[in-house]
Structure formats: structure tokens, C-alpha cells
Amino acid sequence: MIVIPSLDISDGLVIGRVPGPRTGWPVYSDDPAAVARRWQDEGAEVLHVADMDEPLRDDEPAALWVLRTIADAVGTPVEFSSPLATVAAAEMVLDAGARWVVFRHECLPDEAVLASTVERLGDRLIVAFAVGAGDVDGGVCLARSLEAVGVRRLIVRDATADGALAGPNLPALTRITEAVSIPIIAAGGVASLDDLCALRGLNLFGVIIGRSLYEGRVSLPEAIAAASGK
């Protein structure tokens, strides 16, 4: 299981997603490229860059310029997520330097767009979706349907734990990883090395962590060691 540091971007800043109004979200850095270099230097194999702003135009993510600066600054491959879920936006993201495009399932205009993008991009497309505490069955069904369409990697986000440092949703992740054969990346809730050790037993491809890194609850080298069982 690999550890994937997250860079959540708003107005060109690296911010933190915490419970409560967005106006209260902390700013961790005004230099995303420097943050990316830090995570690369500390051993990151993949970076997750999430555009938290509304698109500038129909098919252009607001943080596309930030993606370019990060891609120019590091050799570590980047997966890039934005509110846009179109073929045109995906190709723009790949041209800007991302290795993978992440479609947020809730932003998809329709399933036809997903099918055509899967056909066009293959394994360079990742689909992310959120699972609520009371909708694990729905998460399992969605994961199966995405696999059936041809999606080759999923990000499963805990809708109740994002930025809350409340621990990952182990029961939901267990059921989803058992339901499909494609790689799963978990996101949300990781607060400690113990959380990573628990996730390590779930046959996950990776785990995205953000706030716990930026606030010093875990270091990236420690997290990588815990995730790999060393």
C-alpha cells in the first residue's frame, strides 16, 4: 500500500479541508511546487492534487496552472482531481503534466461521458466517489458498476471523515475492496500510524493523506513505513 500526499488547491494556495465552513479552512502554503518537492524528497511515489475551485471556463480547471508548476517542479507522477468531468478537460489535464485524471463521480454529467472517457484514456482515468456512513451498500454497488464499465482504479472517500481525523471507515472499505478486483485508493480520516497499519490489511492499492501530514501528526517517512509494514 502506497501513501499519497494530497495537495488541496484553492486560489493557488495549498489548503486544508477541515470540518466546518470553507472560510475556516487553514492555508498550509502559498507555494504548491515547494510542497510537492518536499513530499517527493520525503519519498512520495504519487501526489494527489485536488482543485477545490469552480472552473474558469466550461472545460478548464481553475488550478490547471498550479498543476503545470507542480509537474515542472517534480518527477513524481501526479493524479489530478477537479470538478470537471469531461473528455476535453481530461485531455487538458494530461497535457498539463498529470499522469492520471480523477473524475469525481458526483460531477459526471452522465454515464455516457464516463464510458467514452474510459475508452479514450484507459488506465489513465481514475474515478472517485464518496461513501456515507449509512450507504455502504450503495458504495459497493457503485464500485461494481464502475468496474463493469471499464474503470481501472477507484478512489473511495469517506464522506463523513474528510479532514476530521476521525479514522478511516474500515467496514466500508473492507466491503468495497472485497467486492471488486480493481485497485482501490482510500481517502479521508487518517490521523495516526495506527490508522495506516489498519488500512494495510485491507488489500488497498494506496491511501491519500493530507491534514495529518500538514499538522505534523505523522511524518511522510513514518507513514510510508507503516503502510509498507516496515
Protein backbone atom coordinates (compact mmCIF):
# COMPACT_ATOMS: atom_id res chain seq x y z
CA MET A 1 0.00 0.00 0.00
CA ILE A 2 1.46 3.34 -1.04
CA VAL A 3 0.96 6.66 0.76
CA ILE A 4 -0.21 9.51 -1.46
CA PRO A 5 0.17 13.03 -0.05
CA SER A 6 -2.67 15.36 -1.00
CA LEU A 7 -2.33 18.96 -2.13
CA ASP A 8 -5.76 20.60 -1.97
CA ILE A 9 -5.57 23.79 -4.04
CA SER A 10 -7.71 26.93 -3.81
CA ASP A 11 -6.71 30.30 -5.31
CA GLY A 12 -3.23 28.90 -5.88
CA LEU A 13 -2.77 28.02 -2.20
CA VAL A 14 -2.36 24.64 -0.51
CA ILE A 15 -5.26 24.48 1.92
CA GLY A 16 -6.64 22.04 4.46
CA ARG A 17 -10.10 20.54 4.39
CA VAL A 18 -11.46 20.53 7.93
CA PRO A 19 -15.00 20.16 9.28
CA GLY A 20 -16.98 23.38 9.16
CA PRO A 21 -17.38 26.26 6.69
CA ARG A 22 -14.84 26.59 3.93
CA THR A 23 -13.97 30.08 5.15
CA GLY A 24 -12.36 28.40 8.17
CA TRP A 25 -10.12 26.05 6.20
CA PRO A 26 -6.43 26.61 7.00
CA VAL A 27 -3.79 27.66 4.48
CA TYR A 28 -0.72 25.44 4.65
CA SER A 29 1.40 27.03 1.93
CA ASP A 30 1.40 29.64 -0.82
CA ASP A 31 3.93 27.60 -2.83
CA PRO A 32 2.41 24.33 -4.12
CA ALA A 33 5.54 23.46 -6.10
CA ALA A 34 7.68 23.67 -2.96
CA VAL A 35 5.23 21.44 -1.11
CA ALA A 36 5.34 18.93 -3.96
CA ARG A 37 9.15 18.95 -3.85
CA ARG A 38 9.04 18.32 -0.12
CA TRP A 39 6.81 15.26 -0.50
CA GLN A 40 8.95 13.99 -3.36
CA ASP A 41 12.12 14.40 -1.29
CA GLU A 42 10.49 12.51 1.59
CA GLY A 43 9.65 9.52 -0.58
CA ALA A 44 6.22 10.03 -2.17
CA GLU A 45 5.60 7.74 -5.14
CA VAL A 46 2.45 9.58 -6.26
CA LEU A 47 0.96 13.01 -5.48
CA HIS A 48 -2.76 13.77 -5.35
CA VAL A 49 -3.59 17.33 -6.45
CA ALA A 50 -7.21 18.38 -5.88
CA ASP A 51 -8.63 21.56 -7.45
CA MET A 52 -11.15 22.93 -4.95
CA ASP A 53 -12.32 25.89 -7.07
CA GLU A 54 -15.01 26.28 -9.71
CA PRO A 55 -13.77 26.02 -13.32
CA LEU A 56 -12.63 29.16 -15.11
CA ARG A 57 -14.42 28.02 -18.27
CA ASP A 58 -16.52 25.03 -19.21
CA ASP A 59 -13.57 22.73 -19.82
CA GLU A 60 -10.65 24.36 -17.98
CA PRO A 61 -9.93 23.56 -14.33
CA ALA A 62 -9.11 26.63 -12.23
CA ALA A 63 -5.92 25.10 -10.86
CA LEU A 64 -4.55 23.93 -14.20
CA TRP A 65 -1.69 26.43 -13.93
CA VAL A 66 -0.82 25.05 -10.49
CA LEU A 67 -0.69 21.55 -11.96
CA ARG A 68 1.78 22.80 -14.58
CA THR A 69 4.07 24.33 -11.94
CA ILE A 70 4.00 21.11 -9.91
CA ALA A 71 4.65 18.92 -12.96
CA ASP A 72 7.58 21.15 -13.88
CA ALA A 73 8.97 21.04 -10.33
CA VAL A 74 8.89 17.29 -9.63
CA GLY A 75 9.26 13.97 -11.36
CA THR A 76 6.78 12.25 -9.07
CA PRO A 77 3.64 11.29 -11.02
CA VAL A 78 0.51 13.29 -10.23
CA GLU A 79 -3.14 12.35 -10.14
CA PHE A 80 -5.28 15.47 -10.63
CA SER A 81 -8.88 15.91 -9.46
CA SER A 82 -11.20 18.79 -10.32
CA PRO A 83 -14.95 19.50 -10.50
CA LEU A 84 -14.80 18.95 -14.27
CA ALA A 85 -15.60 15.53 -15.69
CA THR A 86 -15.41 15.81 -19.48
CA VAL A 87 -13.16 14.33 -22.13
CA ALA A 88 -11.91 17.80 -23.10
CA ALA A 89 -10.99 18.65 -19.50
CA ALA A 90 -9.28 15.28 -19.05
CA GLU A 91 -7.10 15.80 -22.10
CA MET A 92 -6.20 19.31 -20.91
CA VAL A 93 -5.14 17.89 -17.53
CA LEU A 94 -2.97 15.22 -19.13
CA ASP A 95 -1.38 17.78 -21.44
CA ALA A 96 -0.56 19.92 -18.37
CA GLY A 97 1.52 17.12 -16.90
CA ALA A 98 -0.74 14.83 -14.87
CA ARG A 99 -0.20 11.09 -15.14
CA TRP A 100 -3.82 10.38 -14.21
CA VAL A 101 -7.11 12.26 -14.35
CA VAL A 102 -9.52 11.82 -11.45
CA PHE A 103 -13.22 12.18 -12.22
CA ARG A 104 -15.40 12.91 -9.20
CA HIS A 105 -18.41 10.69 -9.75
CA GLU A 106 -20.86 13.29 -8.46
CA CYS A 107 -19.64 15.72 -11.16
CA LEU A 108 -20.26 13.38 -14.09
CA PRO A 109 -22.96 14.79 -16.39
CA ASP A 110 -23.99 11.27 -17.43
CA GLU A 111 -22.68 7.74 -17.73
CA ALA A 112 -22.09 8.15 -21.47
CA VAL A 113 -19.31 10.64 -20.71
CA LEU A 114 -17.71 8.13 -18.38
CA ALA A 115 -17.90 5.31 -20.92
CA SER A 116 -16.37 7.43 -23.69
CA THR A 117 -13.59 8.67 -21.39
CA VAL A 118 -12.77 5.15 -20.24
CA GLU A 119 -12.49 4.10 -23.88
CA ARG A 120 -10.25 7.07 -24.70
CA LEU A 121 -7.99 7.19 -21.62
CA GLY A 122 -7.91 3.62 -20.33
CA ASP A 123 -5.86 3.27 -17.17
CA ARG A 124 -5.08 6.99 -17.02
CA LEU A 125 -8.59 7.61 -15.69
CA ILE A 126 -9.44 7.21 -12.00
CA VAL A 127 -12.96 7.66 -10.62
CA ALA A 128 -13.51 8.93 -7.09
CA PHE A 129 -16.70 8.63 -5.09
CA ALA A 130 -17.80 9.24 -1.52
CA VAL A 131 -19.38 6.71 0.81
CA GLY A 132 -21.55 7.87 3.69
CA ALA A 133 -21.82 6.07 7.00
CA GLY A 134 -25.25 4.69 6.17
CA ASP A 135 -24.77 3.88 2.49
CA VAL A 136 -22.14 1.17 2.31
CA ASP A 137 -24.40 -0.99 0.12
CA GLY A 138 -24.66 1.88 -2.33
CA GLY A 139 -20.90 2.24 -2.36
CA VAL A 140 -20.45 -1.45 -3.11
CA CYS A 141 -22.98 -1.30 -5.98
CA LEU A 142 -21.33 1.81 -7.43
CA ALA A 143 -17.87 0.28 -7.26
CA ARG A 144 -19.12 -2.81 -9.09
CA SER A 145 -20.84 -0.74 -11.78
CA LEU A 146 -17.73 1.37 -12.36
CA GLU A 147 -15.61 -1.75 -12.69
CA ALA A 148 -18.14 -3.16 -15.17
CA VAL A 149 -17.89 -0.01 -17.33
CA GLY A 150 -14.14 -0.50 -17.53
CA VAL A 151 -12.78 1.89 -14.88
CA ARG A 152 -9.43 0.51 -13.74
CA ARG A 153 -8.82 2.35 -10.48
CA LEU A 154 -11.05 3.90 -7.81
CA ILE A 155 -10.66 6.42 -5.02
CA VAL A 156 -13.12 5.79 -2.19
CA ARG A 157 -13.59 8.79 0.06
CA ASP A 158 -15.27 8.69 3.45
CA ALA A 159 -17.85 11.47 3.19
CA THR A 160 -18.05 11.82 6.97
CA ALA A 161 -14.32 11.74 7.72
CA ASP A 162 -12.70 14.12 5.23
CA GLY A 163 -10.34 16.30 7.24
CA ALA A 164 -11.91 15.19 10.51
CA LEU A 165 -9.01 12.99 11.66
CA ALA A 166 -11.62 10.55 12.95
CA GLY A 167 -10.08 7.41 11.49
CA PRO A 168 -10.90 5.67 8.20
CA ASN A 169 -14.16 3.85 7.55
CA LEU A 170 -12.74 0.35 7.78
CA PRO A 171 -16.04 -1.59 7.41
CA ALA A 172 -16.97 0.26 4.19
CA LEU A 173 -13.50 -0.07 2.72
CA THR A 174 -13.39 -3.76 3.60
CA ARG A 175 -16.64 -4.48 1.78
CA ILE A 176 -15.72 -2.46 -1.29
CA THR A 177 -12.26 -3.99 -1.67
CA GLU A 178 -13.83 -7.44 -1.38
CA ALA A 179 -16.48 -6.58 -3.99
CA VAL A 180 -14.18 -5.58 -6.86
CA SER A 181 -10.84 -6.67 -8.28
CA ILE A 182 -9.54 -3.27 -9.46
CA PRO A 183 -7.14 -1.22 -7.31
CA ILE A 184 -8.70 0.93 -4.58
CA ILE A 185 -7.24 4.07 -3.02
CA ALA A 186 -8.74 5.12 0.32
CA ALA A 187 -9.15 8.78 1.26
CA GLY A 188 -10.30 10.50 4.43
CA GLY A 189 -9.91 10.14 8.15
CA VAL A 190 -6.29 9.03 8.58
CA ALA A 191 -4.99 10.56 11.80
CA SER A 192 -2.25 8.24 13.01
CA LEU A 193 0.18 5.47 12.15
CA ASP A 194 -2.25 3.03 13.73
CA ASP A 195 -4.83 4.02 11.11
CA LEU A 196 -2.34 3.22 8.36
CA CYS A 197 -1.50 -0.13 9.92
CA ALA A 198 -5.22 -0.97 10.00
CA LEU A 199 -5.64 0.01 6.35
CA ARG A 200 -2.64 -2.08 5.37
CA GLY A 201 -4.64 -5.24 6.00
CA LEU A 202 -7.41 -4.34 3.53
CA ASN A 203 -5.67 -5.07 0.21
CA LEU A 204 -5.70 -1.41 -0.81
CA PHE A 205 -3.51 -0.02 -3.55
CA GLY A 206 -2.96 3.21 -1.67
CA VAL A 207 -4.17 5.80 0.81
CA ILE A 208 -4.42 9.57 0.40
CA ILE A 209 -3.49 11.63 3.44
CA GLY A 210 -3.47 15.36 3.94
CA ARG A 211 -4.23 17.11 7.21
CA SER A 212 -2.36 14.62 9.40
CA LEU A 213 0.81 15.31 7.35
CA TYR A 214 0.48 19.08 7.30
CA GLU A 215 -0.25 19.31 11.01
CA GLY A 216 2.62 17.02 11.98
CA ARG A 217 0.60 14.16 13.41
CA VAL A 218 2.58 11.79 11.20
CA SER A 219 5.63 12.31 9.03
CA LEU A 220 5.65 11.03 5.46
CA PRO A 221 8.61 8.65 6.00
CA GLU A 222 6.85 7.20 9.07
CA ALA A 223 3.61 6.86 7.12
CA ILE A 224 5.34 5.09 4.23
CA ALA A 225 7.00 2.67 6.64
CA ALA A 226 3.71 1.93 8.43
CA ALA A 227 1.86 1.41 5.15
CA SER A 228 4.52 -0.99 3.86
CA GLY A 229 4.74 -2.93 7.12
CA LYS A 230 8.34 -1.96 7.84
